[in-house]
Amino acid sequence: MCTRTYIVMTSKTISITEDVYNELIKIKARDESFSQLFLRMLKNYKQNIEDSFGSWNLSDEEKTEIWKDLSTHPGRRWNKQKLGVSK
């Protein structure tokens, strides 16, 4: 019996200006695809943002106001503990 597994990869086309392309080429590793470059950049961005949580001394009112704004923003699900917000 022979079984085959196929992985279907989808792709998307994006448009960028030539100056953006030239800047991306400068930071892309020689053996790295653009998808790998973007994943590396996103991972670094996420780490930099999350590393800053807890860096400010905020009042409870400020934390509540920030959390209210973040919780209505589509996309990433934010961790309340990392934001210093209690239930």
PDB file of N, CA and C in Angstrom:
ATOM      1  N   MET A   1       0.852  -1.173   0.000  1.00  0.00           N
ATOM      2  CA  MET A   1       0.000   0.000   0.000  1.00  0.00           C
ATOM      3  C   MET A   1       0.899   1.238   0.000  1.00  0.00           C
ATOM      4  N   CYS A   2       0.579   2.163  -0.838  1.00  0.00           N
ATOM      5  CA  CYS A   2       1.348   3.397  -0.955  1.00  0.00           C
ATOM      6  C   CYS A   2       0.444   4.580  -0.633  1.00  0.00           C
ATOM      7  N   THR A   3       0.876   5.399   0.320  1.00  0.00           N
ATOM      8  CA  THR A   3       0.105   6.598   0.641  1.00  0.00           C
ATOM      9  C   THR A   3       0.949   7.817   0.314  1.00  0.00           C
ATOM     10  N   ARG A   4       0.311   8.821  -0.190  1.00  0.00           N
ATOM     11  CA  ARG A   4       1.001  10.063  -0.512  1.00  0.00           C
ATOM     12  C   ARG A   4       0.328  11.214   0.210  1.00  0.00           C
ATOM     13  N   THR A   5       1.154  12.077   0.719  1.00  0.00           N
ATOM     14  CA  THR A   5       0.652  13.261   1.385  1.00  0.00           C
ATOM     15  C   THR A   5       1.072  14.467   0.573  1.00  0.00           C
ATOM     16  N   TYR A   6       0.125  15.320   0.286  1.00  0.00           N
ATOM     17  CA  TYR A   6       0.419  16.529  -0.469  1.00  0.00           C
ATOM     18  C   TYR A   6       0.171  17.742   0.429  1.00  0.00           C
ATOM     19  N   ILE A   7       1.106  18.628   0.407  1.00  0.00           N
ATOM     20  CA  ILE A   7       0.947  19.881   1.141  1.00  0.00           C
ATOM     21  C   ILE A   7       0.619  20.952   0.117  1.00  0.00           C
ATOM     22  N   VAL A   8      -0.507  21.585   0.315  1.00  0.00           N
ATOM     23  CA  VAL A   8      -0.928  22.634  -0.609  1.00  0.00           C
ATOM     24  C   VAL A   8      -0.537  23.972  -0.004  1.00  0.00           C
ATOM     25  N   MET A   9       0.291  24.705  -0.711  1.00  0.00           N
ATOM     26  CA  MET A   9       0.721  26.021  -0.248  1.00  0.00           C
ATOM     27  C   MET A   9       0.033  27.067  -1.114  1.00  0.00           C
ATOM     28  N   THR A  10      -0.612  27.996  -0.485  1.00  0.00           N
ATOM     29  CA  THR A  10      -1.222  29.077  -1.251  1.00  0.00           C
ATOM     30  C   THR A  10      -0.252  30.250  -1.290  1.00  0.00           C
ATOM     31  N   SER A  11      -0.426  31.106  -2.228  1.00  0.00           N
ATOM     32  CA  SER A  11       0.422  32.289  -2.303  1.00  0.00           C
ATOM     33  C   SER A  11      -0.446  33.499  -2.604  1.00  0.00           C
ATOM     34  N   LYS A  12       0.071  34.636  -2.258  1.00  0.00           N
ATOM     35  CA  LYS A  12      -0.601  35.914  -2.500  1.00  0.00           C
ATOM     36  C   LYS A  12       0.391  36.840  -3.192  1.00  0.00           C
ATOM     37  N   THR A  13      -0.112  37.670  -4.038  1.00  0.00           N
ATOM     38  CA  THR A  13       0.718  38.659  -4.701  1.00  0.00           C
ATOM     39  C   THR A  13       0.500  40.001  -4.021  1.00  0.00           C
ATOM     40  N   ILE A  14       1.597  40.666  -3.695  1.00  0.00           N
ATOM     41  CA  ILE A  14       1.495  41.999  -3.102  1.00  0.00           C
ATOM     42  C   ILE A  14       2.272  42.975  -3.987  1.00  0.00           C
ATOM     43  N   SER A  15       1.873  44.216  -3.944  1.00  0.00           N
ATOM     44  CA  SER A  15       2.577  45.251  -4.702  1.00  0.00           C
ATOM     45  C   SER A  15       3.358  46.128  -3.744  1.00  0.00           C
ATOM     46  N   ILE A  16       4.617  46.345  -4.069  1.00  0.00           N
ATOM     47  CA  ILE A  16       5.452  47.253  -3.287  1.00  0.00           C
ATOM     48  C   ILE A  16       6.193  48.158  -4.272  1.00  0.00           C
ATOM     49  N   THR A  17       6.566  49.309  -3.788  1.00  0.00           N
ATOM     50  CA  THR A  17       7.312  50.221  -4.656  1.00  0.00           C
ATOM     51  C   THR A  17       8.739  49.714  -4.817  1.00  0.00           C
ATOM     52  N   GLU A  18       9.400  50.202  -5.839  1.00  0.00           N
ATOM     53  CA  GLU A  18      10.763  49.756  -6.109  1.00  0.00           C
ATOM     54  C   GLU A  18      11.720  50.127  -4.978  1.00  0.00           C
ATOM     55  N   ASP A  19      11.514  51.291  -4.361  1.00  0.00           N
ATOM     56  CA  ASP A  19      12.403  51.670  -3.260  1.00  0.00           C
ATOM     57  C   ASP A  19      12.230  50.731  -2.062  1.00  0.00           C
ATOM     58  N   VAL A  20      11.014  50.273  -1.792  1.00  0.00           N
ATOM     59  CA  VAL A  20      10.794  49.300  -0.718  1.00  0.00           C
ATOM     60  C   VAL A  20      11.469  47.975  -1.069  1.00  0.00           C
ATOM     61  N   TYR A  21      11.303  47.535  -2.306  1.00  0.00           N
ATOM     62  CA  TYR A  21      11.942  46.301  -2.778  1.00  0.00           C
ATOM     63  C   TYR A  21      13.459  46.383  -2.585  1.00  0.00           C
ATOM     64  N   ASN A  22      14.058  47.510  -2.970  1.00  0.00           N
ATOM     65  CA  ASN A  22      15.508  47.669  -2.838  1.00  0.00           C
ATOM     66  C   ASN A  22      15.963  47.624  -1.384  1.00  0.00           C
ATOM     67  N   GLU A  23      15.164  48.179  -0.484  1.00  0.00           N
ATOM     68  CA  GLU A  23      15.496  48.129   0.947  1.00  0.00           C
ATOM     69  C   GLU A  23      15.377  46.699   1.473  1.00  0.00           C
ATOM     70  N   LEU A  24      14.345  45.963   1.027  1.00  0.00           N
ATOM     71  CA  LEU A  24      14.172  44.572   1.460  1.00  0.00           C
ATOM     72  C   LEU A  24      15.322  43.697   0.980  1.00  0.00           C
ATOM     73  N   ILE A  25      15.788  43.922  -0.237  1.00  0.00           N
ATOM     74  CA  ILE A  25      16.911  43.159  -0.785  1.00  0.00           C
ATOM     75  C   ILE A  25      18.152  43.327   0.102  1.00  0.00           C
ATOM     76  N   LYS A  26      18.334  44.530   0.641  1.00  0.00           N
ATOM     77  CA  LYS A  26      19.507  44.810   1.485  1.00  0.00           C
ATOM     78  C   LYS A  26      19.510  43.990   2.772  1.00  0.00           C
ATOM     79  N   ILE A  27      18.316  43.689   3.310  1.00  0.00           N
ATOM     80  CA  ILE A  27      18.262  42.974   4.594  1.00  0.00           C
ATOM     81  C   ILE A  27      17.958  41.490   4.446  1.00  0.00           C
ATOM     82  N   LYS A  28      17.615  41.063   3.240  1.00  0.00           N
ATOM     83  CA  LYS A  28      17.309  39.655   2.994  1.00  0.00           C
ATOM     84  C   LYS A  28      18.602  38.859   2.915  1.00  0.00           C
ATOM     85  N   ALA A  29      18.646  37.725   3.620  1.00  0.00           N
ATOM     86  CA  ALA A  29      19.805  36.842   3.540  1.00  0.00           C
ATOM     87  C   ALA A  29      19.854  36.196   2.156  1.00  0.00           C
ATOM     88  N   ARG A  30      21.050  35.840   1.737  1.00  0.00           N
ATOM     89  CA  ARG A  30      21.237  35.306   0.387  1.00  0.00           C
ATOM     90  C   ARG A  30      20.386  34.062   0.119  1.00  0.00           C
ATOM     91  N   ASP A  31      20.301  33.170   1.106  1.00  0.00           N
ATOM     92  CA  ASP A  31      19.554  31.920   0.929  1.00  0.00           C
ATOM     93  C   ASP A  31      18.134  31.992   1.486  1.00  0.00           C
ATOM     94  N   GLU A  32      17.638  33.196   1.718  1.00  0.00           N
ATOM     95  CA  GLU A  32      16.332  33.404   2.344  1.00  0.00           C
ATOM     96  C   GLU A  32      15.311  33.851   1.291  1.00  0.00           C
ATOM     97  N   SER A  33      14.126  33.270   1.350  1.00  0.00           N
ATOM     98  CA  SER A  33      13.045  33.718   0.462  1.00  0.00           C
ATOM     99  C   SER A  33      12.421  34.983   1.064  1.00  0.00           C
ATOM    100  N   PHE A  34      11.637  35.681   0.273  1.00  0.00           N
ATOM    101  CA  PHE A  34      10.949  36.853   0.807  1.00  0.00           C
ATOM    102  C   PHE A  34       9.955  36.449   1.892  1.00  0.00           C
ATOM    103  N   SER A  35       9.306  35.300   1.736  1.00  0.00           N
ATOM    104  CA  SER A  35       8.381  34.829   2.780  1.00  0.00           C
ATOM    105  C   SER A  35       9.122  34.605   4.086  1.00  0.00           C
ATOM    106  N   GLN A  36      10.306  34.003   4.011  1.00  0.00           N
ATOM    107  CA  GLN A  36      11.103  33.786   5.221  1.00  0.00           C
ATOM    108  C   GLN A  36      11.548  35.110   5.824  1.00  0.00           C
ATOM    109  N   LEU A  37      11.912  36.064   4.970  1.00  0.00           N
ATOM    110  CA  LEU A  37      12.297  37.396   5.450  1.00  0.00           C
ATOM    111  C   LEU A  37      11.137  38.051   6.193  1.00  0.00           C
ATOM    112  N   PHE A  38       9.941  38.012   5.595  1.00  0.00           N
ATOM    113  CA  PHE A  38       8.784  38.623   6.233  1.00  0.00           C
ATOM    114  C   PHE A  38       8.464  37.946   7.565  1.00  0.00           C
ATOM    115  N   LEU A  39       8.555  36.619   7.618  1.00  0.00           N
ATOM    116  CA  LEU A  39       8.305  35.908   8.879  1.00  0.00           C
ATOM    117  C   LEU A  39       9.320  36.322   9.942  1.00  0.00           C
ATOM    118  N   ARG A  40      10.581  36.459   9.553  1.00  0.00           N
ATOM    119  CA  ARG A  40      11.624  36.887  10.496  1.00  0.00           C
ATOM    120  C   ARG A  40      11.338  38.295  10.995  1.00  0.00           C
ATOM    121  N   MET A  41      10.955  39.172  10.090  1.00  0.00           N
ATOM    122  CA  MET A  41      10.650  40.550  10.479  1.00  0.00           C
ATOM    123  C   MET A  41       9.438  40.617  11.403  1.00  0.00           C
ATOM    124  N   LEU A  42       8.404  39.834  11.102  1.00  0.00           N
ATOM    125  CA  LEU A  42       7.206  39.821  11.945  1.00  0.00           C
ATOM    126  C   LEU A  42       7.502  39.259  13.329  1.00  0.00           C
ATOM    127  N   LYS A  43       8.332  38.232  13.397  1.00  0.00           N
ATOM    128  CA  LYS A  43       8.703  37.652  14.690  1.00  0.00           C
ATOM    129  C   LYS A  43       9.442  38.698  15.534  1.00  0.00           C
ATOM    130  N   ASN A  44      10.373  39.412  14.920  1.00  0.00           N
ATOM    131  CA  ASN A  44      11.112  40.457  15.634  1.00  0.00           C
ATOM    132  C   ASN A  44      10.193  41.580  16.074  1.00  0.00           C
ATOM    133  N   TYR A  45       9.250  41.974  15.223  1.00  0.00           N
ATOM    134  CA  TYR A  45       8.303  43.034  15.557  1.00  0.00           C
ATOM    135  C   TYR A  45       7.451  42.628  16.756  1.00  0.00           C
ATOM    136  N   LYS A  46       6.932  41.405  16.701  1.00  0.00           N
ATOM    137  CA  LYS A  46       6.082  40.914  17.788  1.00  0.00           C
ATOM    138  C   LYS A  46       6.865  40.883  19.099  1.00  0.00           C
ATOM    139  N   GLN A  47       8.095  40.398  19.066  1.00  0.00           N
ATOM    140  CA  GLN A  47       8.900  40.331  20.279  1.00  0.00           C
ATOM    141  C   GLN A  47       9.181  41.721  20.827  1.00  0.00           C
ATOM    142  N   ASN A  48       9.491  42.660  19.964  1.00  0.00           N
ATOM    143  CA  ASN A  48       9.783  44.018  20.423  1.00  0.00           C
ATOM    144  C   ASN A  48       8.571  44.658  21.079  1.00  0.00           C
ATOM    145  N   ILE A  49       7.391  44.463  20.504  1.00  0.00           N
ATOM    146  CA  ILE A  49       6.170  45.029  21.080  1.00  0.00           C
ATOM    147  C   ILE A  49       5.885  44.370  22.429  1.00  0.00           C
ATOM    148  N   GLU A  50       5.910  43.029  22.490  1.00  0.00           N
ATOM    149  CA  GLU A  50       5.557  42.335  23.720  1.00  0.00           C
ATOM    150  C   GLU A  50       6.611  42.531  24.809  1.00  0.00           C
ATOM    151  N   ASP A  51       7.862  42.752  24.448  1.00  0.00           N
ATOM    152  CA  ASP A  51       8.902  42.999  25.441  1.00  0.00           C
ATOM    153  C   ASP A  51       8.674  44.320  26.169  1.00  0.00           C
ATOM    154  N   SER A  52       7.953  45.242  25.531  1.00  0.00           N
ATOM    155  CA  SER A  52       7.733  46.548  26.148  1.00  0.00           C
ATOM    156  C   SER A  52       6.569  46.543  27.138  1.00  0.00           C
ATOM    157  N   PHE A  53       5.746  45.494  27.141  1.00  0.00           N
ATOM    158  CA  PHE A  53       4.624  45.437  28.085  1.00  0.00           C
ATOM    159  C   PHE A  53       5.164  45.461  29.509  1.00  0.00           C
ATOM    160  N   GLY A  54       4.552  46.256  30.339  1.00  0.00           N
ATOM    161  CA  GLY A  54       4.967  46.354  31.732  1.00  0.00           C
ATOM    162  C   GLY A  54       6.079  47.366  31.948  1.00  0.00           C
ATOM    163  N   SER A  55       6.507  48.042  30.900  1.00  0.00           N
ATOM    164  CA  SER A  55       7.599  49.000  31.016  1.00  0.00           C
ATOM    165  C   SER A  55       7.156  50.332  31.612  1.00  0.00           C
ATOM    166  N   TRP A  56       5.863  50.607  31.586  1.00  0.00           N
ATOM    167  CA  TRP A  56       5.371  51.881  32.072  1.00  0.00           C
ATOM    168  C   TRP A  56       4.626  51.684  33.388  1.00  0.00           C
ATOM    169  N   ASN A  57       4.698  52.676  34.230  1.00  0.00           N
ATOM    170  CA  ASN A  57       3.904  52.679  35.458  1.00  0.00           C
ATOM    171  C   ASN A  57       2.608  53.420  35.154  1.00  0.00           C
ATOM    172  N   LEU A  58       1.556  52.648  34.932  1.00  0.00           N
ATOM    173  CA  LEU A  58       0.268  53.236  34.557  1.00  0.00           C
ATOM    174  C   LEU A  58      -0.717  53.129  35.707  1.00  0.00           C
ATOM    175  N   SER A  59      -1.609  54.079  35.765  1.00  0.00           N
ATOM    176  CA  SER A  59      -2.689  54.010  36.746  1.00  0.00           C
ATOM    177  C   SER A  59      -3.703  52.968  36.272  1.00  0.00           C
ATOM    178  N   ASP A  60      -4.572  52.534  37.166  1.00  0.00           N
ATOM    179  CA  ASP A  60      -5.609  51.572  36.801  1.00  0.00           C
ATOM    180  C   ASP A  60      -6.513  52.135  35.705  1.00  0.00           C
ATOM    181  N   GLU A  61      -6.803  53.441  35.776  1.00  0.00           N
ATOM    182  CA  GLU A  61      -7.645  54.065  34.752  1.00  0.00           C
ATOM    183  C   GLU A  61      -6.964  54.007  33.380  1.00  0.00           C
ATOM    184  N   GLU A  62      -5.661  54.290  33.355  1.00  0.00           N
ATOM    185  CA  GLU A  62      -4.925  54.248  32.089  1.00  0.00           C
ATOM    186  C   GLU A  62      -4.889  52.828  31.522  1.00  0.00           C
ATOM    187  N   LYS A  63      -4.658  51.840  32.379  1.00  0.00           N
ATOM    188  CA  LYS A  63      -4.643  50.445  31.927  1.00  0.00           C
ATOM    189  C   LYS A  63      -6.001  50.046  31.353  1.00  0.00           C
ATOM    190  N   THR A  64      -7.075  50.448  32.036  1.00  0.00           N
ATOM    191  CA  THR A  64      -8.421  50.124  31.570  1.00  0.00           C
ATOM    192  C   THR A  64      -8.691  50.776  30.222  1.00  0.00           C
ATOM    193  N   GLU A  65      -8.298  52.029  30.077  1.00  0.00           N
ATOM    194  CA  GLU A  65      -8.508  52.739  28.815  1.00  0.00           C
ATOM    195  C   GLU A  65      -7.731  52.087  27.676  1.00  0.00           C
ATOM    196  N   ILE A  66      -6.486  51.717  27.929  1.00  0.00           N
ATOM    197  CA  ILE A  66      -5.670  51.062  26.902  1.00  0.00           C
ATOM    198  C   ILE A  66      -6.263  49.708  26.552  1.00  0.00           C
ATOM    199  N   TRP A  67      -6.641  48.938  27.564  1.00  0.00           N
ATOM    200  CA  TRP A  67      -7.214  47.615  27.300  1.00  0.00           C
ATOM    201  C   TRP A  67      -8.498  47.719  26.491  1.00  0.00           C
ATOM    202  N   LYS A  68      -9.339  48.695  26.829  1.00  0.00           N
ATOM    203  CA  LYS A  68     -10.598  48.887  26.105  1.00  0.00           C
ATOM    204  C   LYS A  68     -10.314  49.127  24.622  1.00  0.00           C
ATOM    205  N   ASP A  69      -9.314  49.968  24.339  1.00  0.00           N
ATOM    206  CA  ASP A  69      -8.946  50.269  22.956  1.00  0.00           C
ATOM    207  C   ASP A  69      -8.394  49.022  22.253  1.00  0.00           C
ATOM    208  N   LEU A  70      -7.504  48.287  22.907  1.00  0.00           N
ATOM    209  CA  LEU A  70      -6.909  47.090  22.301  1.00  0.00           C
ATOM    210  C   LEU A  70      -7.942  45.994  22.069  1.00  0.00           C
ATOM    211  N   SER A  71      -8.876  45.847  22.987  1.00  0.00           N
ATOM    212  CA  SER A  71      -9.850  44.756  22.870  1.00  0.00           C
ATOM    213  C   SER A  71     -10.838  44.975  21.733  1.00  0.00           C
ATOM    214  N   THR A  72     -10.971  46.210  21.260  1.00  0.00           N
ATOM    215  CA  THR A  72     -11.884  46.468  20.146  1.00  0.00           C
ATOM    216  C   THR A  72     -11.164  46.455  18.805  1.00  0.00           C
ATOM    217  N   HIS A  73      -9.831  46.351  18.846  1.00  0.00           N
ATOM    218  CA  HIS A  73      -9.029  46.364  17.612  1.00  0.00           C
ATOM    219  C   HIS A  73      -8.990  44.954  17.016  1.00  0.00           C
ATOM    220  N   PRO A  74      -9.359  44.804  15.734  1.00  0.00           N
ATOM    221  CA  PRO A  74      -9.354  43.469  15.127  1.00  0.00           C
ATOM    222  C   PRO A  74      -7.925  42.940  14.977  1.00  0.00           C
ATOM    223  N   GLY A  75      -7.807  41.630  14.926  1.00  0.00           N
ATOM    224  CA  GLY A  75      -6.486  41.045  14.708  1.00  0.00           C
ATOM    225  C   GLY A  75      -6.013  40.294  15.920  1.00  0.00           C
ATOM    226  N   ARG A  76      -4.850  40.610  16.402  1.00  0.00           N
ATOM    227  CA  ARG A  76      -4.176  39.894  17.487  1.00  0.00           C
ATOM    228  C   ARG A  76      -5.023  39.856  18.739  1.00  0.00           C
ATOM    229  N   ARG A  77      -5.020  38.719  19.387  1.00  0.00           N
ATOM    230  CA  ARG A  77      -5.685  38.589  20.687  1.00  0.00           C
ATOM    231  C   ARG A  77      -4.652  38.894  21.763  1.00  0.00           C
ATOM    232  N   TRP A  78      -4.899  39.947  22.523  1.00  0.00           N
ATOM    233  CA  TRP A  78      -3.935  40.405  23.508  1.00  0.00           C
ATOM    234  C   TRP A  78      -4.104  39.670  24.833  1.00  0.00           C
ATOM    235  N   ASN A  79      -2.997  39.411  25.483  1.00  0.00           N
ATOM    236  CA  ASN A  79      -2.967  38.739  26.766  1.00  0.00           C
ATOM    237  C   ASN A  79      -3.053  39.801  27.862  1.00  0.00           C
ATOM    238  N   LYS A  80      -4.132  39.790  28.631  1.00  0.00           N
ATOM    239  CA  LYS A  80      -4.344  40.817  29.657  1.00  0.00           C
ATOM    240  C   LYS A  80      -3.242  40.813  30.717  1.00  0.00           C
ATOM    241  N   GLN A  81      -2.713  39.642  31.077  1.00  0.00           N
ATOM    242  CA  GLN A  81      -1.672  39.582  32.089  1.00  0.00           C
ATOM    243  C   GLN A  81      -0.421  40.342  31.632  1.00  0.00           C
ATOM    244  N   LYS A  82      -0.066  40.187  30.359  1.00  0.00           N
ATOM    245  CA  LYS A  82       1.109  40.889  29.859  1.00  0.00           C
ATOM    246  C   LYS A  82       0.887  42.398  29.822  1.00  0.00           C
ATOM    247  N   LEU A  83      -0.357  42.803  29.721  1.00  0.00           N
ATOM    248  CA  LEU A  83      -0.670  44.231  29.712  1.00  0.00           C
ATOM    249  C   LEU A  83      -0.795  44.786  31.131  1.00  0.00           C
ATOM    250  N   GLY A  84      -0.761  43.910  32.113  1.00  0.00           N
ATOM    251  CA  GLY A  84      -0.897  44.361  33.489  1.00  0.00           C
ATOM    252  C   GLY A  84      -2.311  44.730  33.856  1.00  0.00           C
ATOM    253  N   VAL A  85      -3.274  44.119  33.205  1.00  0.00           N
ATOM    254  CA  VAL A  85      -4.690  44.410  33.451  1.00  0.00           C
ATOM    255  C   VAL A  85      -5.313  43.226  34.163  1.00  0.00           C
ATOM    256  N   SER A  86      -5.970  43.478  35.262  1.00  0.00           N
ATOM    257  CA  SER A  86      -6.660  42.386  35.940  1.00  0.00           C
ATOM    258  C   SER A  86      -7.972  42.133  35.247  1.00  0.00           C
ATOM    259  N   LYS A  87      -8.616  41.029  35.595  1.00  0.00           N
ATOM    260  CA  LYS A  87      -9.884  40.630  34.969  1.00  0.00           C
ATOM    261  C   LYS A  87     -10.854  41.754  35.002  1.00  0.00           C
TER     262      LYS A  87
END
